Amino acid sequence: KALSGADPGAPARVRHILASDIDDTLTGDRAAARRFGDWAASRADVAFMVATGRSISEARRVIAAWGLPCPGTMITSVGSEIWRATGQGAYALCPEYARHVSQGWQGNAVAELVAELGIESQGAQDQRRWKRSFFGTAEEARLIRASLAARGLAAHVIHSHDRLIDVLPAQAGKSAALTFEAKRHGLQMADCIAAGDSGNDLDMLRACGRPILPANARDGIVEALSGRGYLSALPYAAGVLDGLDHVLAVQHA
């Protein structure tokens, strides 16, 4: 029964944001991916967003290939871009976030410095306006970080999947993008749930109120979170759903 004065036809107020990685977090098990889609469609109080290292075009390709729900907002390119659905089956770049991450960003200078270090660049398709991407070890990521600091180049260096290095503007990253979106929805980071399996999810998992890690989590993120968050015994989207059952029960207890 609706409360007095409430409009029973009004949309549910968004109480939480769920920001989830795609690869090996929502993908990996097609049956679980379908169940996740059903869950997302049933929760008007939770704003589902993806937060991926992929570009917008690649994210859309994988979402379609796996039959995952298309979110209203996509955090892409390791949190250096935010895209919003336009309602015509397309997405538009968020200009406010683009202005925010552009401050102090010297992408060409970053690329030149890393080339001087002899560290291999990823392909042209993986380079974005606010992201420069390379192949390398965790030690090489530390070398890039130290070299950028010594050169006075402000940047955010992220190592993941044992071999990938992304260099972003200092103000960018999945955590920064999620914080930006939380404010836009009138929410706090404590109201945000994040799910991820690799090193480029770590800052988002650390910053959100309820981190979820599927059983296949890697890159030492379980240890880095020091027991904070929900580590599922199930992998992929099944682990995300298991975590959602747990964290939403805790939040509403």
Protein backbone atom coordinates (compact mmCIF):
# COMPACT_ATOMS: atom_id res chain seq x y z
CA LYS A 1 0.00 0.00 0.00
CA ALA A 2 1.38 3.42 -0.93
CA LEU A 3 2.04 5.87 1.88
CA SER A 4 -0.35 8.80 2.11
CA GLY A 5 0.69 11.49 -0.35
CA ALA A 6 3.00 9.16 -2.29
CA ASP A 7 2.54 8.72 -6.02
CA PRO A 8 2.40 4.96 -6.66
CA GLY A 9 3.32 5.57 -10.29
CA ALA A 10 6.41 7.64 -9.50
CA PRO A 11 9.80 6.07 -10.32
CA ALA A 12 11.75 4.67 -7.38
CA ARG A 13 14.42 7.01 -6.06
CA VAL A 14 17.95 5.85 -6.81
CA ARG A 15 19.45 4.86 -3.46
CA HIS A 16 22.63 3.21 -4.69
CA ILE A 17 24.97 3.16 -7.64
CA LEU A 18 26.37 -0.19 -8.73
CA ALA A 19 29.54 0.34 -10.79
CA SER A 20 30.87 -2.90 -12.24
CA ASP A 21 33.79 -3.87 -14.38
CA ILE A 22 32.85 -5.93 -17.46
CA ASP A 23 35.61 -8.39 -18.36
CA ASP A 24 35.75 -11.39 -16.00
CA THR A 25 33.43 -9.59 -13.61
CA LEU A 26 30.16 -9.66 -15.56
CA THR A 27 31.50 -11.85 -18.38
CA GLY A 28 32.85 -15.39 -18.03
CA ASP A 29 29.57 -17.27 -17.40
CA ARG A 30 26.70 -16.67 -19.83
CA ALA A 31 23.96 -18.04 -17.57
CA ALA A 32 25.13 -15.82 -14.70
CA ALA A 33 25.35 -12.83 -17.06
CA ARG A 34 21.69 -13.37 -18.01
CA ARG A 35 20.71 -13.58 -14.34
CA PHE A 36 22.57 -10.34 -13.71
CA GLY A 37 20.62 -8.67 -16.52
CA ASP A 38 17.36 -9.79 -14.90
CA TRP A 39 18.53 -8.44 -11.54
CA ALA A 40 19.52 -5.05 -13.00
CA ALA A 41 16.14 -4.73 -14.73
CA SER A 42 14.33 -5.42 -11.46
CA ARG A 43 16.08 -2.79 -9.31
CA ALA A 44 14.89 0.74 -10.09
CA ASP A 45 16.49 1.91 -6.84
CA VAL A 46 19.98 0.95 -8.04
CA ALA A 47 21.63 2.86 -10.90
CA PHE A 48 23.73 0.33 -12.80
CA MET A 49 26.88 1.64 -14.49
CA VAL A 50 29.81 -0.13 -16.06
CA ALA A 51 33.34 0.92 -15.18
CA THR A 52 35.78 -0.60 -17.63
CA GLY A 53 39.24 -0.26 -19.04
CA ARG A 54 37.79 -0.63 -22.52
CA SER A 55 36.93 2.23 -24.84
CA ILE A 56 33.25 3.09 -25.31
CA SER A 57 33.06 1.24 -28.64
CA GLU A 58 34.73 -1.88 -27.26
CA ALA A 59 32.61 -1.79 -24.11
CA ARG A 60 29.44 -1.65 -26.20
CA ARG A 61 30.67 -4.54 -28.37
CA VAL A 62 31.32 -6.79 -25.36
CA ILE A 63 28.05 -5.81 -23.67
CA ALA A 64 26.16 -6.76 -26.84
CA ALA A 65 28.10 -10.00 -27.31
CA TRP A 66 27.25 -11.10 -23.76
CA GLY A 67 23.66 -9.89 -23.75
CA LEU A 68 24.35 -7.63 -20.79
CA PRO A 69 22.10 -4.65 -20.00
CA CYS A 70 23.09 -1.33 -21.57
CA PRO A 71 23.57 1.11 -18.68
CA GLY A 72 22.55 4.74 -18.76
CA THR A 73 26.11 5.71 -17.85
CA MET A 74 29.41 4.13 -18.87
CA ILE A 75 32.72 4.87 -17.18
CA THR A 76 35.28 3.83 -19.79
CA SER A 77 39.00 3.87 -20.60
CA VAL A 78 39.91 3.18 -16.94
CA GLY A 79 37.81 6.06 -15.67
CA SER A 80 39.20 8.73 -17.98
CA GLU A 81 35.87 9.12 -19.83
CA ILE A 82 32.19 9.16 -18.82
CA TRP A 83 29.54 8.50 -21.47
CA ARG A 84 25.77 8.94 -21.12
CA ALA A 85 23.00 7.29 -23.12
CA THR A 86 21.24 9.83 -25.32
CA GLY A 87 18.00 7.88 -25.74
CA GLN A 88 18.61 7.21 -29.45
CA GLY A 89 20.75 4.13 -28.95
CA ALA A 90 23.91 6.26 -28.77
CA TYR A 91 26.18 7.62 -26.04
CA ALA A 92 27.57 11.13 -25.61
CA LEU A 93 30.76 12.09 -23.78
CA CYS A 94 30.20 14.00 -20.53
CA PRO A 95 31.70 17.45 -21.20
CA GLU A 96 31.94 18.45 -17.52
CA TYR A 97 34.04 15.40 -16.63
CA ALA A 98 36.14 15.89 -19.76
CA ARG A 99 36.95 19.45 -18.66
CA HIS A 100 37.76 18.21 -15.16
CA VAL A 101 40.28 15.56 -16.25
CA SER A 102 41.87 17.82 -18.87
CA GLN A 103 43.34 20.12 -16.23
CA GLY A 104 47.11 19.73 -16.26
CA TRP A 105 47.07 16.69 -18.56
CA GLN A 106 50.05 16.42 -20.91
CA GLY A 107 49.41 13.17 -22.74
CA ASN A 108 52.03 13.63 -25.46
CA ALA A 109 54.70 14.44 -22.90
CA VAL A 110 53.73 11.32 -20.94
CA ALA A 111 54.08 9.16 -24.07
CA GLU A 112 57.47 10.69 -24.90
CA LEU A 113 58.81 10.08 -21.41
CA VAL A 114 57.68 6.44 -21.34
CA ALA A 115 59.22 5.91 -24.80
CA GLU A 116 62.52 7.22 -23.39
CA LEU A 117 62.30 4.52 -20.71
CA GLY A 118 62.09 1.85 -23.43
CA ILE A 119 58.69 0.57 -22.28
CA GLU A 120 56.49 -0.84 -25.05
CA SER A 121 53.39 1.08 -26.05
CA GLN A 122 50.08 -0.69 -26.60
CA GLY A 123 48.44 -0.35 -30.03
CA ALA A 124 46.97 2.86 -31.38
CA GLN A 125 43.44 1.60 -30.71
CA ASP A 126 44.21 1.54 -26.97
CA GLN A 127 45.43 5.15 -26.80
CA ARG A 128 42.77 7.69 -25.88
CA ARG A 129 42.74 11.46 -25.43
CA TRP A 130 43.06 11.08 -21.65
CA LYS A 131 44.81 7.68 -21.53
CA ARG A 132 48.21 6.41 -22.63
CA SER A 133 48.64 2.65 -22.40
CA PHE A 134 51.71 0.43 -22.30
CA PHE A 135 52.86 -3.14 -21.66
CA GLY A 136 54.95 -3.71 -18.56
CA THR A 137 55.50 -5.18 -15.15
CA ALA A 138 54.56 -3.75 -11.77
CA GLU A 139 58.17 -2.65 -11.40
CA GLU A 140 58.02 -0.80 -14.72
CA ALA A 141 54.81 0.89 -13.57
CA ARG A 142 56.68 2.09 -10.47
CA LEU A 143 59.50 3.37 -12.72
CA ILE A 144 56.99 5.31 -14.85
CA ARG A 145 55.41 6.77 -11.71
CA ALA A 146 58.76 7.92 -10.32
CA SER A 147 59.94 9.27 -13.68
CA LEU A 148 56.76 11.28 -14.21
CA ALA A 149 57.07 12.77 -10.74
CA ALA A 150 60.71 13.67 -11.35
CA ARG A 151 59.74 15.38 -14.61
CA GLY A 152 56.89 17.26 -12.91
CA LEU A 153 54.18 15.55 -14.96
CA ALA A 154 51.05 14.96 -12.89
CA ALA A 155 49.45 11.62 -13.73
CA HIS A 156 47.74 8.53 -12.31
CA VAL A 157 49.57 5.27 -13.14
CA ILE A 158 47.66 1.97 -12.92
CA HIS A 159 49.06 -1.55 -13.35
CA SER A 160 46.74 -4.51 -13.98
CA HIS A 161 46.47 -8.01 -15.42
CA ASP A 162 50.20 -8.54 -14.67
CA ARG A 163 51.20 -6.78 -17.91
CA LEU A 164 49.12 -3.67 -18.61
CA ILE A 165 50.00 -0.11 -17.60
CA ASP A 166 47.62 2.82 -18.05
CA VAL A 167 48.63 6.43 -17.46
CA LEU A 168 45.74 8.83 -16.89
CA PRO A 169 45.29 12.44 -15.82
CA ALA A 170 45.89 12.87 -12.10
CA GLN A 171 42.17 13.64 -11.59
CA ALA A 172 40.98 10.57 -13.53
CA GLY A 173 40.35 6.92 -12.66
CA LYS A 174 37.42 4.70 -11.90
CA SER A 175 37.19 6.07 -8.34
CA ALA A 176 37.24 9.67 -9.57
CA ALA A 177 34.56 8.96 -12.17
CA LEU A 178 32.36 7.14 -9.67
CA THR A 179 32.73 10.01 -7.19
CA PHE A 180 31.68 12.42 -9.96
CA GLU A 181 28.59 10.31 -10.70
CA ALA A 182 27.65 9.90 -7.05
CA LYS A 183 27.59 13.68 -6.58
CA ARG A 184 25.47 14.02 -9.71
CA HIS A 185 22.90 11.63 -8.19
CA GLY A 186 23.03 13.37 -4.81
CA LEU A 187 24.70 10.33 -3.23
CA GLN A 188 27.80 9.72 -1.15
CA MET A 189 30.50 7.18 -1.95
CA ALA A 190 29.13 5.23 1.02
CA ASP A 191 26.00 4.70 -1.12
CA CYS A 192 28.03 3.19 -3.96
CA ILE A 193 28.63 -0.50 -4.61
CA ALA A 194 31.54 -1.49 -6.85
CA ALA A 195 32.40 -4.86 -8.36
CA GLY A 196 35.71 -5.70 -9.99
CA ASP A 197 38.34 -8.38 -10.42
CA SER A 198 41.62 -6.69 -11.33
CA GLY A 199 44.13 -3.99 -10.47
CA ASN A 200 42.46 -1.26 -12.48
CA ASP A 201 39.37 -1.68 -10.26
CA LEU A 202 41.27 -1.23 -7.00
CA ASP A 203 40.88 2.53 -6.48
CA MET A 204 37.12 2.24 -7.11
CA LEU A 205 36.82 -0.74 -4.75
CA ARG A 206 38.73 1.11 -2.04
CA ALA A 207 36.68 4.29 -2.36
CA CYS A 208 33.15 2.87 -2.50
CA GLY A 209 30.97 1.97 0.45
CA ARG A 210 30.52 -1.70 -0.49
CA PRO A 211 33.18 -3.47 -2.59
CA ILE A 212 32.34 -6.84 -4.19
CA LEU A 213 35.02 -9.20 -5.47
CA PRO A 214 34.16 -12.36 -7.42
CA ALA A 215 36.14 -15.51 -6.62
CA ASN A 216 38.34 -14.97 -9.70
CA ALA A 217 39.71 -11.63 -8.41
CA ARG A 218 43.43 -11.20 -9.15
CA ASP A 219 46.32 -8.72 -9.15
CA GLY A 220 46.48 -8.90 -5.35
CA ILE A 221 43.33 -6.80 -4.91
CA VAL A 222 41.91 -9.11 -2.25
CA GLU A 223 45.03 -8.58 -0.12
CA ALA A 224 45.15 -4.87 -0.96
CA LEU A 225 41.64 -4.41 0.44
CA SER A 226 42.79 -6.06 3.71
CA GLY A 227 39.55 -7.93 4.30
CA ARG A 228 37.31 -4.98 3.49
CA GLY A 229 34.48 -5.79 1.14
CA TYR A 230 32.68 -8.99 0.18
CA LEU A 231 34.75 -11.75 -1.42
CA SER A 232 32.38 -14.24 -3.04
CA ALA A 233 33.07 -17.95 -3.33
CA LEU A 234 31.52 -17.72 -6.80
CA PRO A 235 33.23 -16.36 -9.94
CA TYR A 236 32.14 -13.79 -12.53
CA ALA A 237 28.56 -12.43 -12.52
CA ALA A 238 27.44 -15.17 -10.11
CA GLY A 239 29.87 -13.69 -7.58
CA VAL A 240 28.56 -10.18 -8.23
CA LEU A 241 24.97 -11.34 -7.63
CA ASP A 242 26.04 -13.18 -4.48
CA GLY A 243 27.76 -10.02 -3.29
CA LEU A 244 24.73 -7.86 -4.08
CA ASP A 245 22.51 -10.16 -2.00
CA HIS A 246 24.94 -9.72 0.89
CA VAL A 247 25.74 -6.00 0.73
CA LEU A 248 22.16 -4.84 0.11
CA ALA A 249 20.95 -7.02 2.98
CA VAL A 250 23.61 -5.42 5.20
CA GLN A 251 22.76 -1.89 4.07
CA HIS A 252 19.05 -2.38 4.65
CA ALA A 253 19.35 -4.35 7.89
